[in-house]
Amino acid sequence: MRLGHLISFSDVDGMSFSKTTFGLLLTLLVCVAGCERRVTLDPAVNFDDPEVAKIVTAIREGGAGSGSDAAGEAAVTGTGWGGLKGRFLFEGAAPAIGRVSTGGKDADMCGDSVPDLSLVVDPASNGISNVVVFARKVSRVKNPETPTEEALFDQKACLFLTHVLTARTGQPVKILNSDPKAHNTAGSPPGDANFNPQLPGGGSTTVTFKKSQNAPFPVTCSIHPWMKGFMFPRADGYVAVSGADGSFEMKDLPAGENIEFMVWHERVGGGSGGGLVAKSGWNGGRFKLTIPADGVEDLGDIKVPESAFK
């Protein structure tokens, strides 16, 4: 496509110019806009002409096009690396873990019921497991290489042993069936390839993800429909899942830059998961922080009321 097709001859930042002047300036516009292609300037262009000077100034001050805003958001503004940590605690008495009936399906392997892992609170510490924290967008990544080691997604006693699995895009994810009977492990990551292998007892397969997701997506087994877990591939790896005591930590975040983080839990948003509003000022589970260089931003104990999960 020729550059002239992309330019309005009627105005640049509110200024009017003749078609003749624009015709002479096409190669100049290519250079000022930052195109990598080498061009030869038209010798007929008079750079002392006030009209020419206005166009050049307008382009330099904001005429780069609609992509300039996105580029500005991702501009590198800080230096160094730092960390983020905290601990999610249930406010009030810790609820007991519920049970889900298996309906007698493969009772010798699954039992009559299995734990409901949609909300797991440690009775000793009130720590909340499986809270996901991730950076929504970063300008730079300390370790951009794709890990070659497999991330393991196992199942045993008719439960997914890793309730929320995180992985990097392009990283191999091994789906293992440690039960003696068959399971199928189905997932539909938005914008990426669906998967639904049926694995015999002791069987395994490997999947990889091309697309970085904006939230964990559910993984299920249609043979045993109570089974549910989540996978969360991210391109940058800046994601953490809280452990049994509710604590989480992210390392090697870009320091000195304002980063927006998201906090997600499956009980928010009708069972499909959503932004967990655990602190005042968190809008839909989102908050912004500047990470200190060579330091750790500690959010401390984050007490989450029961109402946040309903």
Protein backbone atom coordinates (compact mmCIF):
# COMPACT_ATOMS: atom_id res chain seq x y z
CA MET A 1 0.00 0.00 0.00
CA ARG A 2 1.32 3.46 -0.89
CA LEU A 3 1.75 5.93 1.95
CA GLY A 4 -0.36 8.48 0.09
CA HIS A 5 -3.38 6.20 0.49
CA LEU A 6 -3.05 6.39 4.28
CA ILE A 7 -2.83 10.20 4.56
CA SER A 8 -5.70 12.65 4.66
CA PHE A 9 -4.92 15.61 2.45
CA SER A 10 -7.32 17.79 4.38
CA ASP A 11 -5.53 18.02 7.68
CA VAL A 12 -2.62 16.98 9.88
CA ASP A 13 -3.26 18.08 13.47
CA GLY A 14 -5.77 20.62 12.17
CA MET A 15 -3.58 22.11 9.40
CA SER A 16 -4.53 22.18 5.70
CA PHE A 17 -2.06 21.50 2.91
CA SER A 18 -2.15 21.18 -0.85
CA LYS A 19 -2.00 17.86 -2.66
CA THR A 20 1.05 19.11 -4.49
CA THR A 21 2.95 19.63 -1.25
CA PHE A 22 1.94 16.16 0.00
CA GLY A 23 3.02 14.57 -3.22
CA LEU A 24 6.46 16.06 -2.76
CA LEU A 25 6.62 15.01 0.85
CA LEU A 26 5.71 11.32 0.59
CA THR A 27 9.27 10.11 0.98
CA LEU A 28 9.90 12.58 3.81
CA LEU A 29 6.88 11.21 5.71
CA VAL A 30 8.21 7.67 5.38
CA CYS A 31 11.51 8.67 6.99
CA VAL A 32 10.03 10.75 9.82
CA ALA A 33 7.47 8.04 10.69
CA GLY A 34 10.32 5.63 11.36
CA CYS A 35 9.96 3.15 8.52
CA GLU A 36 12.94 0.82 8.33
CA ARG A 37 12.99 0.84 4.50
CA ARG A 38 15.67 3.00 2.93
CA VAL A 39 14.30 5.80 0.74
CA THR A 40 15.69 8.67 -1.31
CA LEU A 41 14.29 12.10 -0.54
CA ASP A 42 12.72 13.98 -3.43
CA PRO A 43 15.13 16.82 -4.30
CA ALA A 44 12.15 18.99 -5.23
CA VAL A 45 11.10 19.24 -1.56
CA ASN A 46 11.94 22.65 -0.13
CA PHE A 47 12.72 22.09 3.56
CA ASP A 48 12.74 25.86 4.17
CA ASP A 49 9.12 26.11 3.10
CA PRO A 50 6.95 26.96 6.18
CA GLU A 51 4.31 24.47 4.98
CA VAL A 52 6.89 21.69 4.92
CA ALA A 53 8.17 22.65 8.37
CA LYS A 54 4.62 22.46 9.81
CA ILE A 55 4.11 18.94 8.44
CA VAL A 56 7.42 17.70 9.81
CA THR A 57 6.66 19.17 13.25
CA ALA A 58 3.15 17.69 13.29
CA ILE A 59 4.43 14.22 12.47
CA ARG A 60 7.21 14.37 15.04
CA GLU A 61 4.81 15.50 17.78
CA GLY A 62 2.17 12.81 17.29
CA GLY A 63 1.51 11.90 13.71
CA ALA A 64 3.00 8.42 14.00
CA GLY A 65 -0.43 6.78 13.81
CA SER A 66 -2.75 4.76 16.00
CA GLY A 67 -0.04 2.40 17.22
CA SER A 68 1.83 5.12 19.09
CA ASP A 69 -0.33 4.89 22.22
CA ALA A 70 0.32 1.15 22.63
CA ALA A 71 4.02 1.68 22.10
CA GLY A 72 4.03 4.40 24.73
CA GLU A 73 2.40 2.09 27.28
CA ALA A 74 5.11 -0.50 26.78
CA ALA A 75 7.96 2.01 26.84
CA VAL A 76 10.83 1.08 29.12
CA THR A 77 10.89 3.60 31.96
CA GLY A 78 12.64 1.76 34.80
CA THR A 79 15.76 -0.22 35.46
CA GLY A 80 16.63 -3.29 37.49
CA TRP A 81 14.46 -6.06 38.86
CA GLY A 82 12.47 -6.66 42.03
CA GLY A 83 9.83 -8.85 43.61
CA LEU A 84 6.26 -8.87 44.89
CA LYS A 85 4.88 -10.99 47.70
CA GLY A 86 1.99 -11.21 50.13
CA ARG A 87 -0.38 -13.58 51.86
CA PHE A 88 -4.13 -14.06 51.38
CA LEU A 89 -6.00 -14.83 54.60
CA PHE A 90 -9.66 -15.67 55.07
CA GLU A 91 -11.30 -13.16 57.39
CA GLY A 92 -13.21 -14.93 60.13
CA ALA A 93 -13.53 -18.63 60.91
CA ALA A 94 -12.05 -20.84 58.21
CA PRO A 95 -14.79 -22.73 56.34
CA ALA A 96 -14.53 -26.50 56.16
CA ILE A 97 -13.71 -27.99 52.77
CA GLY A 98 -16.91 -29.30 51.20
CA ARG A 99 -17.43 -32.67 49.56
CA VAL A 100 -18.72 -33.47 46.08
CA SER A 101 -20.60 -36.71 45.46
CA THR A 102 -19.23 -39.04 42.80
CA GLY A 103 -22.57 -40.75 42.39
CA GLY A 104 -20.83 -44.09 42.76
CA LYS A 105 -18.94 -43.71 39.48
CA ASP A 106 -15.77 -45.86 39.66
CA ALA A 107 -16.20 -45.94 43.43
CA ASP A 108 -13.29 -48.32 43.84
CA MET A 109 -11.02 -45.60 42.48
CA CYS A 110 -12.87 -42.37 43.31
CA GLY A 111 -14.76 -43.21 46.50
CA ASP A 112 -18.25 -41.94 47.31
CA SER A 113 -17.17 -38.27 47.36
CA VAL A 114 -14.15 -36.07 46.72
CA PRO A 115 -13.03 -32.74 48.25
CA ASP A 116 -14.46 -29.55 46.76
CA LEU A 117 -11.30 -27.60 45.95
CA SER A 118 -13.05 -24.44 44.72
CA LEU A 119 -12.28 -22.76 48.06
CA VAL A 120 -9.49 -24.16 50.21
CA VAL A 121 -8.69 -22.43 53.50
CA ASP A 122 -6.07 -23.78 55.89
CA PRO A 123 -7.70 -24.07 59.35
CA ALA A 124 -4.38 -23.46 61.11
CA SER A 125 -3.33 -20.25 59.33
CA ASN A 126 -6.54 -19.16 57.54
CA GLY A 127 -4.43 -19.05 54.38
CA ILE A 128 -6.35 -19.20 51.10
CA SER A 129 -4.92 -21.53 48.44
CA ASN A 130 -5.14 -21.10 44.67
CA VAL A 131 -5.36 -17.31 44.51
CA VAL A 132 -3.68 -16.26 41.25
CA VAL A 133 -1.71 -13.02 40.98
CA PHE A 134 -0.21 -11.91 37.67
CA ALA A 135 1.17 -8.86 35.88
CA ARG A 136 -1.22 -7.84 33.11
CA LYS A 137 1.44 -6.15 30.95
CA VAL A 138 5.16 -5.55 31.36
CA SER A 139 7.66 -3.63 29.25
CA ARG A 140 10.52 -6.10 29.69
CA VAL A 141 11.16 -9.65 30.87
CA LYS A 142 14.30 -10.75 32.68
CA ASN A 143 14.15 -14.35 31.45
CA PRO A 144 12.41 -14.31 28.06
CA GLU A 145 13.57 -17.79 27.04
CA THR A 146 10.88 -20.47 26.95
CA PRO A 147 11.52 -23.15 29.63
CA THR A 148 12.28 -26.57 28.22
CA GLU A 149 11.34 -28.54 31.34
CA GLU A 150 7.83 -29.99 31.44
CA ALA A 151 5.11 -28.59 33.65
CA LEU A 152 3.21 -31.53 35.19
CA PHE A 153 -0.59 -31.75 35.34
CA ASP A 154 -1.38 -34.98 37.16
CA GLN A 155 -4.60 -36.66 38.34
CA LYS A 156 -5.13 -39.27 41.02
CA ALA A 157 -8.10 -40.51 43.04
CA CYS A 158 -10.29 -38.65 40.53
CA LEU A 159 -8.86 -35.22 41.34
CA PHE A 160 -6.47 -32.94 39.47
CA LEU A 161 -3.51 -32.76 41.83
CA THR A 162 -2.47 -29.30 40.63
CA HIS A 163 -5.63 -27.27 40.94
CA VAL A 164 -4.25 -24.24 39.07
CA LEU A 165 -1.32 -24.98 36.78
CA THR A 166 0.77 -22.10 35.41
CA ALA A 167 3.07 -22.47 32.42
CA ARG A 168 4.86 -20.35 29.84
CA THR A 169 3.63 -20.24 26.26
CA GLY A 170 5.62 -22.76 24.26
CA GLN A 171 6.53 -24.74 27.37
CA PRO A 172 5.63 -28.46 27.24
CA VAL A 173 2.83 -29.42 29.65
CA LYS A 174 2.71 -33.12 30.51
CA ILE A 175 -0.80 -34.38 31.28
CA LEU A 176 -0.49 -37.56 33.36
CA ASN A 177 -3.08 -40.04 34.57
CA SER A 178 -1.82 -41.64 37.78
CA ASP A 179 -5.09 -43.51 38.30
CA PRO A 180 -5.58 -47.15 37.23
CA LYS A 181 -8.58 -46.31 35.02
CA ALA A 182 -9.10 -43.91 32.11
CA HIS A 183 -9.59 -40.15 32.36
CA ASN A 184 -10.01 -37.56 29.65
CA THR A 185 -8.54 -34.12 30.24
CA ALA A 186 -10.37 -31.44 28.27
CA GLY A 187 -9.58 -27.74 27.91
CA SER A 188 -10.56 -24.95 25.52
CA PRO A 189 -8.08 -22.07 25.86
CA PRO A 190 -9.58 -18.99 24.13
CA GLY A 191 -7.92 -18.36 20.79
CA ASP A 192 -5.77 -21.48 21.04
CA ALA A 193 -6.09 -25.16 20.12
CA ASN A 194 -8.55 -27.23 22.16
CA PHE A 195 -7.38 -30.51 23.69
CA ASN A 196 -9.24 -33.57 24.96
CA PRO A 197 -7.04 -36.67 25.14
CA GLN A 198 -8.39 -39.84 26.70
CA LEU A 199 -5.65 -41.32 28.82
CA PRO A 200 -5.65 -44.93 30.02
CA GLY A 201 -4.44 -45.73 33.50
CA GLY A 202 -0.81 -44.63 33.76
CA GLY A 203 -0.99 -42.88 30.36
CA SER A 204 0.25 -39.40 29.49
CA THR A 205 0.39 -36.87 26.69
CA THR A 206 2.01 -33.47 26.15
CA VAL A 207 0.44 -30.18 25.04
CA THR A 208 1.84 -26.71 24.44
CA PHE A 209 0.12 -23.35 24.25
CA LYS A 210 0.77 -20.62 21.71
CA LYS A 211 -1.46 -17.90 23.15
CA SER A 212 -0.93 -16.06 26.42
CA GLN A 213 -4.24 -16.07 28.31
CA ASN A 214 -5.85 -13.20 30.24
CA ALA A 215 -7.21 -15.56 32.92
CA PRO A 216 -6.98 -19.25 33.85
CA PHE A 217 -9.22 -21.50 31.75
CA PRO A 218 -11.02 -24.58 33.15
CA VAL A 219 -9.92 -28.17 32.61
CA THR A 220 -12.43 -31.00 33.10
CA CYS A 221 -12.98 -34.75 32.73
CA SER A 222 -16.26 -35.80 31.13
CA ILE A 223 -15.87 -39.37 32.43
CA HIS A 224 -15.81 -37.99 35.99
CA PRO A 225 -17.66 -34.65 35.67
CA TRP A 226 -16.92 -33.40 39.18
CA MET A 227 -13.23 -33.11 38.29
CA LYS A 228 -12.21 -29.52 37.64
CA GLY A 229 -8.91 -27.67 37.53
CA PHE A 230 -7.40 -24.72 35.67
CA MET A 231 -4.45 -24.00 33.42
CA PHE A 232 -2.92 -20.58 32.90
CA PRO A 233 -0.30 -20.11 30.17
CA ARG A 234 1.47 -16.72 30.13
CA ALA A 235 4.16 -15.47 27.79
CA ASP A 236 6.20 -13.61 30.41
CA GLY A 237 5.89 -15.98 33.38
CA TYR A 238 5.00 -13.19 35.82
CA VAL A 239 2.31 -15.15 37.63
CA ALA A 240 2.07 -16.74 41.08
CA VAL A 241 -0.44 -19.03 42.82
CA SER A 242 -0.89 -18.87 46.58
CA GLY A 243 0.12 -21.94 48.57
CA ALA A 244 -1.49 -23.70 51.52
CA ASP A 245 -0.66 -20.83 53.92
CA GLY A 246 -2.00 -18.24 51.45
CA SER A 247 1.42 -16.84 50.54
CA PHE A 248 2.66 -16.01 47.06
CA GLU A 249 5.80 -14.47 45.57
CA MET A 250 6.83 -13.23 42.13
CA LYS A 251 10.49 -12.60 41.35
CA ASP A 252 12.46 -10.66 38.73
CA LEU A 253 9.71 -8.19 37.87
CA PRO A 254 10.77 -5.04 35.99
CA ALA A 255 11.50 -2.41 38.66
CA GLY A 256 10.88 1.31 38.56
CA GLU A 257 7.78 1.06 36.36
CA ASN A 258 4.08 1.29 37.11
CA ILE A 259 2.71 -2.26 36.63
CA GLU A 260 -0.93 -3.28 36.79
CA PHE A 261 -1.54 -6.59 38.55
CA MET A 262 -4.62 -8.81 38.56
CA VAL A 263 -5.84 -11.05 41.39
CA TRP A 264 -8.05 -13.97 40.31
CA HIS A 265 -9.99 -16.68 42.12
CA GLU A 266 -12.36 -19.28 40.69
CA ARG A 267 -15.16 -18.57 43.18
CA VAL A 268 -15.52 -15.04 41.79
CA GLY A 269 -17.60 -14.66 38.64
CA GLY A 270 -20.07 -17.52 38.93
CA GLY A 271 -17.60 -20.37 39.10
CA SER A 272 -15.64 -19.41 35.98
CA GLY A 273 -13.35 -17.16 37.98
CA GLY A 274 -12.82 -13.43 38.13
CA GLY A 275 -11.09 -10.51 39.80
CA LEU A 276 -10.90 -10.90 43.57
CA VAL A 277 -11.50 -7.59 45.34
CA ALA A 278 -9.57 -8.16 48.54
CA LYS A 279 -8.42 -4.62 49.39
CA SER A 280 -9.91 -1.15 49.20
CA GLY A 281 -8.98 0.49 45.92
CA TRP A 282 -8.70 -2.75 43.98
CA ASN A 283 -10.92 -2.25 40.94
CA GLY A 284 -12.21 -5.61 39.78
CA GLY A 285 -9.21 -7.29 41.38
CA ARG A 286 -6.72 -4.94 39.69
CA PHE A 287 -4.13 -2.77 41.39
CA LYS A 288 -1.01 -0.86 40.33
CA LEU A 289 2.42 -0.82 41.94
CA THR A 290 5.97 0.26 41.22
CA ILE A 291 8.39 -2.49 42.20
CA PRO A 292 11.62 -1.32 43.91
CA ALA A 293 14.92 -2.20 42.24
CA ASP A 294 16.76 -5.01 44.05
CA GLY A 295 13.96 -5.15 46.61
CA VAL A 296 10.59 -6.77 47.30
CA GLU A 297 7.24 -5.01 47.57
CA ASP A 298 5.45 -6.79 50.42
CA LEU A 299 1.66 -6.53 50.47
CA GLY A 300 1.64 -8.21 53.88
CA ASP A 301 -1.45 -10.06 55.11
CA ILE A 302 -4.41 -9.45 52.82
CA LYS A 303 -7.59 -10.34 54.69
CA VAL A 304 -10.38 -11.40 52.36
CA PRO A 305 -13.99 -11.35 53.62
CA GLU A 306 -16.28 -14.28 52.88
CA SER A 307 -18.49 -11.95 50.82
CA ALA A 308 -15.72 -11.57 48.24
CA PHE A 309 -16.24 -15.18 47.14
CA LYS A 310 -19.97 -14.89 46.48
